[in-house]
Amino acid sequence: MYGSVSLPSQGRETPTNMGPKAKKGSSIASGVVNLTNTIVGAGMLGLPGAFGGTGWLSGVVLIVLSATFSAHGLVLLSKAACI
């Protein structure tokens, strides 16, 4: 019915039949590192374009303003988590 497709029941190794030491997914630390790398990488790639479009002084002001709003947002999130 499936032709030459190898199904798990035909001896193909899958995480459910590889034994007790089979890894079923990534760890939380791996996920955090991957997410941080994605966020920081996108920001670092966008900075030259932002500075090129606004200039040095305006770019620095906008980065400081953005960092301030971001820090305030994190404070609000942490306060909301305690409620």
PDB file of N, CA and C in Angstrom:
ATOM      1  N   MET A   1       0.812  -1.192   0.000  1.00  0.00           N
ATOM      2  CA  MET A   1       0.000   0.000   0.000  1.00  0.00           C
ATOM      3  C   MET A   1       0.855   1.255   0.000  1.00  0.00           C
ATOM      4  N   TYR A   2       1.977   1.276   0.744  1.00  0.00           N
ATOM      5  CA  TYR A   2       2.825   2.441   0.838  1.00  0.00           C
ATOM      6  C   TYR A   2       4.038   2.370  -0.092  1.00  0.00           C
ATOM      7  N   GLY A   3       4.166   1.343  -0.867  1.00  0.00           N
ATOM      8  CA  GLY A   3       5.294   1.236  -1.784  1.00  0.00           C
ATOM      9  C   GLY A   3       6.599   1.023  -1.054  1.00  0.00           C
ATOM     10  N   SER A   4       7.612   1.852  -1.347  1.00  0.00           N
ATOM     11  CA  SER A   4       8.938   1.676  -0.768  1.00  0.00           C
ATOM     12  C   SER A   4       9.170   2.541   0.466  1.00  0.00           C
ATOM     13  N   VAL A   5       8.125   3.141   1.005  1.00  0.00           N
ATOM     14  CA  VAL A   5       8.256   3.971   2.195  1.00  0.00           C
ATOM     15  C   VAL A   5       8.531   3.072   3.387  1.00  0.00           C
ATOM     16  N   SER A   6       9.581   3.394   4.143  1.00  0.00           N
ATOM     17  CA  SER A   6       9.943   2.611   5.316  1.00  0.00           C
ATOM     18  C   SER A   6       9.153   3.106   6.515  1.00  0.00           C
ATOM     19  N   LEU A   7       8.310   2.276   7.048  1.00  0.00           N
ATOM     20  CA  LEU A   7       7.524   2.615   8.212  1.00  0.00           C
ATOM     21  C   LEU A   7       8.264   2.200   9.477  1.00  0.00           C
ATOM     22  N   PRO A   8       7.982   2.851  10.624  1.00  0.00           N
ATOM     23  CA  PRO A   8       8.668   2.487  11.870  1.00  0.00           C
ATOM     24  C   PRO A   8       8.520   1.021  12.243  1.00  0.00           C
ATOM     25  N   SER A   9       7.415   0.398  11.898  1.00  0.00           N
ATOM     26  CA  SER A   9       7.222  -0.998  12.256  1.00  0.00           C
ATOM     27  C   SER A   9       8.074  -1.942  11.403  1.00  0.00           C
ATOM     28  N   GLN A  10       8.715  -1.420  10.359  1.00  0.00           N
ATOM     29  CA  GLN A  10       9.533  -2.252   9.483  1.00  0.00           C
ATOM     30  C   GLN A  10      11.013  -2.208   9.877  1.00  0.00           C
ATOM     31  N   GLY A  11      11.323  -1.853  11.096  1.00  0.00           N
ATOM     32  CA  GLY A  11      12.691  -1.906  11.572  1.00  0.00           C
ATOM     33  C   GLY A  11      13.417  -0.570  11.556  1.00  0.00           C
ATOM     34  N   ARG A  12      12.771   0.477  11.144  1.00  0.00           N
ATOM     35  CA  ARG A  12      13.418   1.794  11.126  1.00  0.00           C
ATOM     36  C   ARG A  12      13.528   2.311  12.554  1.00  0.00           C
ATOM     37  N   GLU A  13      14.686   2.858  12.890  1.00  0.00           N
ATOM     38  CA  GLU A  13      14.916   3.355  14.240  1.00  0.00           C
ATOM     39  C   GLU A  13      14.176   4.669  14.444  1.00  0.00           C
ATOM     40  N   THR A  14      13.366   4.747  15.471  1.00  0.00           N
ATOM     41  CA  THR A  14      12.682   5.972  15.864  1.00  0.00           C
ATOM     42  C   THR A  14      12.969   6.209  17.338  1.00  0.00           C
ATOM     43  N   PRO A  15      12.766   7.434  17.821  1.00  0.00           N
ATOM     44  CA  PRO A  15      13.051   7.696  19.239  1.00  0.00           C
ATOM     45  C   PRO A  15      12.264   6.822  20.194  1.00  0.00           C
ATOM     46  N   THR A  16      11.118   6.263  19.782  1.00  0.00           N
ATOM     47  CA  THR A  16      10.336   5.435  20.705  1.00  0.00           C
ATOM     48  C   THR A  16      10.856   4.008  20.804  1.00  0.00           C
ATOM     49  N   ASN A  17      11.601   3.516  19.792  1.00  0.00           N
ATOM     50  CA  ASN A  17      12.078   2.136  19.869  1.00  0.00           C
ATOM     51  C   ASN A  17      13.604   2.043  19.870  1.00  0.00           C
ATOM     52  N   MET A  18      14.277   3.120  20.263  1.00  0.00           N
ATOM     53  CA  MET A  18      15.740   3.115  20.301  1.00  0.00           C
ATOM     54  C   MET A  18      16.287   2.709  21.663  1.00  0.00           C
ATOM     55  N   GLY A  19      15.454   2.513  22.622  1.00  0.00           N
ATOM     56  CA  GLY A  19      15.920   2.095  23.927  1.00  0.00           C
ATOM     57  C   GLY A  19      15.826   3.208  24.950  1.00  0.00           C
ATOM     58  N   PRO A  20      16.264   2.930  26.183  1.00  0.00           N
ATOM     59  CA  PRO A  20      16.095   3.907  27.262  1.00  0.00           C
ATOM     60  C   PRO A  20      17.005   5.126  27.133  1.00  0.00           C
ATOM     61  N   LYS A  21      18.090   5.038  26.380  1.00  0.00           N
ATOM     62  CA  LYS A  21      19.006   6.169  26.279  1.00  0.00           C
ATOM     63  C   LYS A  21      18.709   7.051  25.074  1.00  0.00           C
ATOM     64  N   ALA A  22      17.591   6.842  24.403  1.00  0.00           N
ATOM     65  CA  ALA A  22      17.240   7.634  23.224  1.00  0.00           C
ATOM     66  C   ALA A  22      16.862   9.047  23.655  1.00  0.00           C
ATOM     67  N   LYS A  23      17.354  10.027  22.934  1.00  0.00           N
ATOM     68  CA  LYS A  23      17.038  11.411  23.217  1.00  0.00           C
ATOM     69  C   LYS A  23      15.775  11.781  22.452  1.00  0.00           C
ATOM     70  N   LYS A  24      14.795  12.305  23.133  1.00  0.00           N
ATOM     71  CA  LYS A  24      13.510  12.576  22.507  1.00  0.00           C
ATOM     72  C   LYS A  24      13.342  14.032  22.103  1.00  0.00           C
ATOM     73  N   GLY A  25      14.226  14.923  22.471  1.00  0.00           N
ATOM     74  CA  GLY A  25      14.091  16.337  22.130  1.00  0.00           C
ATOM     75  C   GLY A  25      15.258  17.121  22.674  1.00  0.00           C
ATOM     76  N   SER A  26      15.200  18.402  22.483  1.00  0.00           N
ATOM     77  CA  SER A  26      16.283  19.245  22.971  1.00  0.00           C
ATOM     78  C   SER A  26      16.022  19.630  24.428  1.00  0.00           C
ATOM     79  N   SER A  27      17.080  20.050  25.088  1.00  0.00           N
ATOM     80  CA  SER A  27      16.946  20.445  26.488  1.00  0.00           C
ATOM     81  C   SER A  27      16.470  21.896  26.568  1.00  0.00           C
ATOM     82  N   ILE A  28      16.096  22.309  27.755  1.00  0.00           N
ATOM     83  CA  ILE A  28      15.663  23.689  27.955  1.00  0.00           C
ATOM     84  C   ILE A  28      16.820  24.639  27.707  1.00  0.00           C
ATOM     85  N   ALA A  29      18.013  24.275  28.154  1.00  0.00           N
ATOM     86  CA  ALA A  29      19.183  25.132  27.938  1.00  0.00           C
ATOM     87  C   ALA A  29      19.464  25.303  26.453  1.00  0.00           C
ATOM     88  N   SER A  30      19.327  24.242  25.695  1.00  0.00           N
ATOM     89  CA  SER A  30      19.532  24.326  24.253  1.00  0.00           C
ATOM     90  C   SER A  30      18.501  25.249  23.610  1.00  0.00           C
ATOM     91  N   GLY A  31      17.276  25.173  24.057  1.00  0.00           N
ATOM     92  CA  GLY A  31      16.228  26.051  23.532  1.00  0.00           C
ATOM     93  C   GLY A  31      16.473  27.509  23.864  1.00  0.00           C
ATOM     94  N   VAL A  32      16.933  27.767  25.097  1.00  0.00           N
ATOM     95  CA  VAL A  32      17.232  29.142  25.504  1.00  0.00           C
ATOM     96  C   VAL A  32      18.385  29.702  24.685  1.00  0.00           C
ATOM     97  N   VAL A  33      19.437  28.913  24.504  1.00  0.00           N
ATOM     98  CA  VAL A  33      20.581  29.367  23.708  1.00  0.00           C
ATOM     99  C   VAL A  33      20.170  29.634  22.266  1.00  0.00           C
ATOM    100  N   ASN A  34      19.354  28.762  21.702  1.00  0.00           N
ATOM    101  CA  ASN A  34      18.904  28.940  20.328  1.00  0.00           C
ATOM    102  C   ASN A  34      18.050  30.196  20.183  1.00  0.00           C
ATOM    103  N   LEU A  35      17.126  30.434  21.106  1.00  0.00           N
ATOM    104  CA  LEU A  35      16.279  31.616  21.062  1.00  0.00           C
ATOM    105  C   LEU A  35      17.096  32.888  21.236  1.00  0.00           C
ATOM    106  N   THR A  36      18.039  32.878  22.175  1.00  0.00           N
ATOM    107  CA  THR A  36      18.891  34.041  22.381  1.00  0.00           C
ATOM    108  C   THR A  36      19.734  34.333  21.146  1.00  0.00           C
ATOM    109  N   ASN A  37      20.277  33.300  20.547  1.00  0.00           N
ATOM    110  CA  ASN A  37      21.073  33.471  19.336  1.00  0.00           C
ATOM    111  C   ASN A  37      20.237  34.059  18.211  1.00  0.00           C
ATOM    112  N   THR A  38      19.009  33.626  18.079  1.00  0.00           N
ATOM    113  CA  THR A  38      18.119  34.145  17.043  1.00  0.00           C
ATOM    114  C   THR A  38      17.795  35.612  17.271  1.00  0.00           C
ATOM    115  N   ILE A  39      17.467  35.985  18.494  1.00  0.00           N
ATOM    116  CA  ILE A  39      17.101  37.364  18.793  1.00  0.00           C
ATOM    117  C   ILE A  39      18.305  38.290  18.649  1.00  0.00           C
ATOM    118  N   VAL A  40      19.419  37.913  19.243  1.00  0.00           N
ATOM    119  CA  VAL A  40      20.611  38.762  19.195  1.00  0.00           C
ATOM    120  C   VAL A  40      21.152  38.843  17.768  1.00  0.00           C
ATOM    121  N   GLY A  41      21.118  37.735  17.044  1.00  0.00           N
ATOM    122  CA  GLY A  41      21.619  37.728  15.672  1.00  0.00           C
ATOM    123  C   GLY A  41      20.838  38.659  14.774  1.00  0.00           C
ATOM    124  N   ALA A  42      19.503  38.642  14.893  1.00  0.00           N
ATOM    125  CA  ALA A  42      18.673  39.530  14.068  1.00  0.00           C
ATOM    126  C   ALA A  42      18.929  40.989  14.422  1.00  0.00           C
ATOM    127  N   GLY A  43      19.090  41.275  15.691  1.00  0.00           N
ATOM    128  CA  GLY A  43      19.374  42.654  16.111  1.00  0.00           C
ATOM    129  C   GLY A  43      20.722  43.139  15.617  1.00  0.00           C
ATOM    130  N   MET A  44      21.727  42.280  15.687  1.00  0.00           N
ATOM    131  CA  MET A  44      23.060  42.673  15.232  1.00  0.00           C
ATOM    132  C   MET A  44      23.093  42.884  13.723  1.00  0.00           C
ATOM    133  N   LEU A  45      22.325  42.111  12.976  1.00  0.00           N
ATOM    134  CA  LEU A  45      22.284  42.295  11.532  1.00  0.00           C
ATOM    135  C   LEU A  45      21.526  43.558  11.145  1.00  0.00           C
ATOM    136  N   GLY A  46      20.585  43.983  11.962  1.00  0.00           N
ATOM    137  CA  GLY A  46      19.790  45.169  11.649  1.00  0.00           C
ATOM    138  C   GLY A  46      20.419  46.480  12.079  1.00  0.00           C
ATOM    139  N   LEU A  47      21.387  46.448  12.993  1.00  0.00           N
ATOM    140  CA  LEU A  47      21.977  47.688  13.502  1.00  0.00           C
ATOM    141  C   LEU A  47      22.677  48.540  12.436  1.00  0.00           C
ATOM    142  N   PRO A  48      23.493  47.991  11.563  1.00  0.00           N
ATOM    143  CA  PRO A  48      24.131  48.855  10.560  1.00  0.00           C
ATOM    144  C   PRO A  48      23.124  49.578   9.668  1.00  0.00           C
ATOM    145  N   GLY A  49      22.066  48.908   9.302  1.00  0.00           N
ATOM    146  CA  GLY A  49      21.039  49.558   8.491  1.00  0.00           C
ATOM    147  C   GLY A  49      20.321  50.658   9.252  1.00  0.00           C
ATOM    148  N   ALA A  50      20.063  50.418  10.533  1.00  0.00           N
ATOM    149  CA  ALA A  50      19.398  51.433  11.358  1.00  0.00           C
ATOM    150  C   ALA A  50      20.291  52.655  11.528  1.00  0.00           C
ATOM    151  N   PHE A  51      21.564  52.428  11.795  1.00  0.00           N
ATOM    152  CA  PHE A  51      22.480  53.560  11.940  1.00  0.00           C
ATOM    153  C   PHE A  51      22.679  54.284  10.612  1.00  0.00           C
ATOM    154  N   GLY A  52      22.698  53.538   9.516  1.00  0.00           N
ATOM    155  CA  GLY A  52      22.858  54.158   8.203  1.00  0.00           C
ATOM    156  C   GLY A  52      21.664  55.024   7.828  1.00  0.00           C
ATOM    157  N   GLY A  53      20.489  54.623   8.252  1.00  0.00           N
ATOM    158  CA  GLY A  53      19.286  55.380   7.927  1.00  0.00           C
ATOM    159  C   GLY A  53      19.046  56.573   8.827  1.00  0.00           C
ATOM    160  N   THR A  54      19.518  56.514  10.067  1.00  0.00           N
ATOM    161  CA  THR A  54      19.217  57.592  11.014  1.00  0.00           C
ATOM    162  C   THR A  54      20.413  58.471  11.339  1.00  0.00           C
ATOM    163  N   GLY A  55      21.611  57.967  11.169  1.00  0.00           N
ATOM    164  CA  GLY A  55      22.805  58.715  11.577  1.00  0.00           C
ATOM    165  C   GLY A  55      23.260  58.268  12.953  1.00  0.00           C
ATOM    166  N   TRP A  56      24.469  58.664  13.293  1.00  0.00           N
ATOM    167  CA  TRP A  56      25.057  58.206  14.558  1.00  0.00           C
ATOM    168  C   TRP A  56      24.319  58.736  15.779  1.00  0.00           C
ATOM    169  N   LEU A  57      24.074  60.025  15.835  1.00  0.00           N
ATOM    170  CA  LEU A  57      23.463  60.596  17.036  1.00  0.00           C
ATOM    171  C   LEU A  57      22.034  60.078  17.222  1.00  0.00           C
ATOM    172  N   SER A  58      21.253  60.126  16.164  1.00  0.00           N
ATOM    173  CA  SER A  58      19.874  59.631  16.264  1.00  0.00           C
ATOM    174  C   SER A  58      19.853  58.127  16.543  1.00  0.00           C
ATOM    175  N   GLY A  59      20.787  57.374  15.970  1.00  0.00           N
ATOM    176  CA  GLY A  59      20.855  55.941  16.202  1.00  0.00           C
ATOM    177  C   GLY A  59      21.126  55.614  17.662  1.00  0.00           C
ATOM    178  N   VAL A  60      22.067  56.327  18.255  1.00  0.00           N
ATOM    179  CA  VAL A  60      22.391  56.095  19.666  1.00  0.00           C
ATOM    180  C   VAL A  60      21.205  56.466  20.550  1.00  0.00           C
ATOM    181  N   VAL A  61      20.567  57.591  20.247  1.00  0.00           N
ATOM    182  CA  VAL A  61      19.397  58.005  21.032  1.00  0.00           C
ATOM    183  C   VAL A  61      18.286  56.971  20.929  1.00  0.00           C
ATOM    184  N   LEU A  62      18.037  56.473  19.720  1.00  0.00           N
ATOM    185  CA  LEU A  62      16.975  55.480  19.541  1.00  0.00           C
ATOM    186  C   LEU A  62      17.309  54.155  20.225  1.00  0.00           C
ATOM    187  N   ILE A  63      18.575  53.764  20.220  1.00  0.00           N
ATOM    188  CA  ILE A  63      18.961  52.525  20.910  1.00  0.00           C
ATOM    189  C   ILE A  63      18.788  52.663  22.421  1.00  0.00           C
ATOM    190  N   VAL A  64      19.186  53.795  22.975  1.00  0.00           N
ATOM    191  CA  VAL A  64      19.026  54.022  24.410  1.00  0.00           C
ATOM    192  C   VAL A  64      17.539  54.068  24.770  1.00  0.00           C
ATOM    193  N   LEU A  65      16.741  54.738  23.941  1.00  0.00           N
ATOM    194  CA  LEU A  65      15.309  54.807  24.182  1.00  0.00           C
ATOM    195  C   LEU A  65      14.674  53.417  24.092  1.00  0.00           C
ATOM    196  N   SER A  66      15.075  52.644  23.112  1.00  0.00           N
ATOM    197  CA  SER A  66      14.558  51.281  22.960  1.00  0.00           C
ATOM    198  C   SER A  66      14.959  50.411  24.142  1.00  0.00           C
ATOM    199  N   ALA A  67      16.185  50.525  24.593  1.00  0.00           N
ATOM    200  CA  ALA A  67      16.644  49.752  25.756  1.00  0.00           C
ATOM    201  C   ALA A  67      15.860  50.136  27.009  1.00  0.00           C
ATOM    202  N   THR A  68      15.545  51.416  27.162  1.00  0.00           N
ATOM    203  CA  THR A  68      14.775  51.874  28.315  1.00  0.00           C
ATOM    204  C   THR A  68      13.368  51.284  28.295  1.00  0.00           C
ATOM    205  N   PHE A  69      12.721  51.345  27.123  1.00  0.00           N
ATOM    206  CA  PHE A  69      11.382  50.771  27.023  1.00  0.00           C
ATOM    207  C   PHE A  69      11.403  49.259  27.224  1.00  0.00           C
ATOM    208  N   SER A  70      12.413  48.608  26.723  1.00  0.00           N
ATOM    209  CA  SER A  70      12.524  47.165  26.889  1.00  0.00           C
ATOM    210  C   SER A  70      12.711  46.794  28.360  1.00  0.00           C
ATOM    211  N   ALA A  71      13.573  47.517  29.057  1.00  0.00           N
ATOM    212  CA  ALA A  71      13.788  47.251  30.481  1.00  0.00           C
ATOM    213  C   ALA A  71      12.516  47.509  31.277  1.00  0.00           C
ATOM    214  N   HIS A  72      11.796  48.573  30.937  1.00  0.00           N
ATOM    215  CA  HIS A  72      10.545  48.865  31.634  1.00  0.00           C
ATOM    216  C   HIS A  72       9.507  47.768  31.361  1.00  0.00           C
ATOM    217  N   GLY A  73       9.475  47.275  30.138  1.00  0.00           N
ATOM    218  CA  GLY A  73       8.565  46.183  29.804  1.00  0.00           C
ATOM    219  C   GLY A  73       8.877  44.920  30.593  1.00  0.00           C
ATOM    220  N   LEU A  74      10.165  44.633  30.779  1.00  0.00           N
ATOM    221  CA  LEU A  74      10.549  43.463  31.580  1.00  0.00           C
ATOM    222  C   LEU A  74      10.144  43.627  33.041  1.00  0.00           C
ATOM    223  N   VAL A  75      10.260  44.857  33.553  1.00  0.00           N
ATOM    224  CA  VAL A  75       9.831  45.116  34.926  1.00  0.00           C
ATOM    225  C   VAL A  75       8.322  44.896  35.050  1.00  0.00           C
ATOM    226  N   LEU A  76       7.564  45.394  34.066  1.00  0.00           N
ATOM    227  CA  LEU A  76       6.113  45.200  34.098  1.00  0.00           C
ATOM    228  C   LEU A  76       5.733  43.729  34.004  1.00  0.00           C
ATOM    229  N   LEU A  77       6.437  42.982  33.149  1.00  0.00           N
ATOM    230  CA  LEU A  77       6.180  41.539  33.041  1.00  0.00           C
ATOM    231  C   LEU A  77       6.472  40.821  34.355  1.00  0.00           C
ATOM    232  N   SER A  78       7.560  41.174  35.009  1.00  0.00           N
ATOM    233  CA  SER A  78       7.892  40.507  36.273  1.00  0.00           C
ATOM    234  C   SER A  78       6.888  40.858  37.358  1.00  0.00           C
ATOM    235  N   LYS A  79       6.393  42.097  37.355  1.00  0.00           N
ATOM    236  CA  LYS A  79       5.376  42.473  38.339  1.00  0.00           C
ATOM    237  C   LYS A  79       4.061  41.734  38.048  1.00  0.00           C
ATOM    238  N   ALA A  80       3.724  41.602  36.767  1.00  0.00           N
ATOM    239  CA  ALA A  80       2.484  40.912  36.405  1.00  0.00           C
ATOM    240  C   ALA A  80       2.570  39.416  36.742  1.00  0.00           C
ATOM    241  N   ALA A  81       3.757  38.857  36.692  1.00  0.00           N
ATOM    242  CA  ALA A  81       3.921  37.443  37.015  1.00  0.00           C
ATOM    243  C   ALA A  81       3.699  37.193  38.512  1.00  0.00           C
ATOM    244  N   CYS A  82       3.936  38.174  39.339  1.00  0.00           N
ATOM    245  CA  CYS A  82       3.755  38.025  40.784  1.00  0.00           C
ATOM    246  C   CYS A  82       2.304  38.170  41.213  1.00  0.00           C
ATOM    247  N   ILE A  83       1.464  38.689  40.350  1.00  0.00           N
ATOM    248  CA  ILE A  83       0.052  38.931  40.713  1.00  0.00           C
ATOM    249  C   ILE A  83      -0.722  37.642  40.663  1.00  0.00           C
TER     250      ILE A  83
END
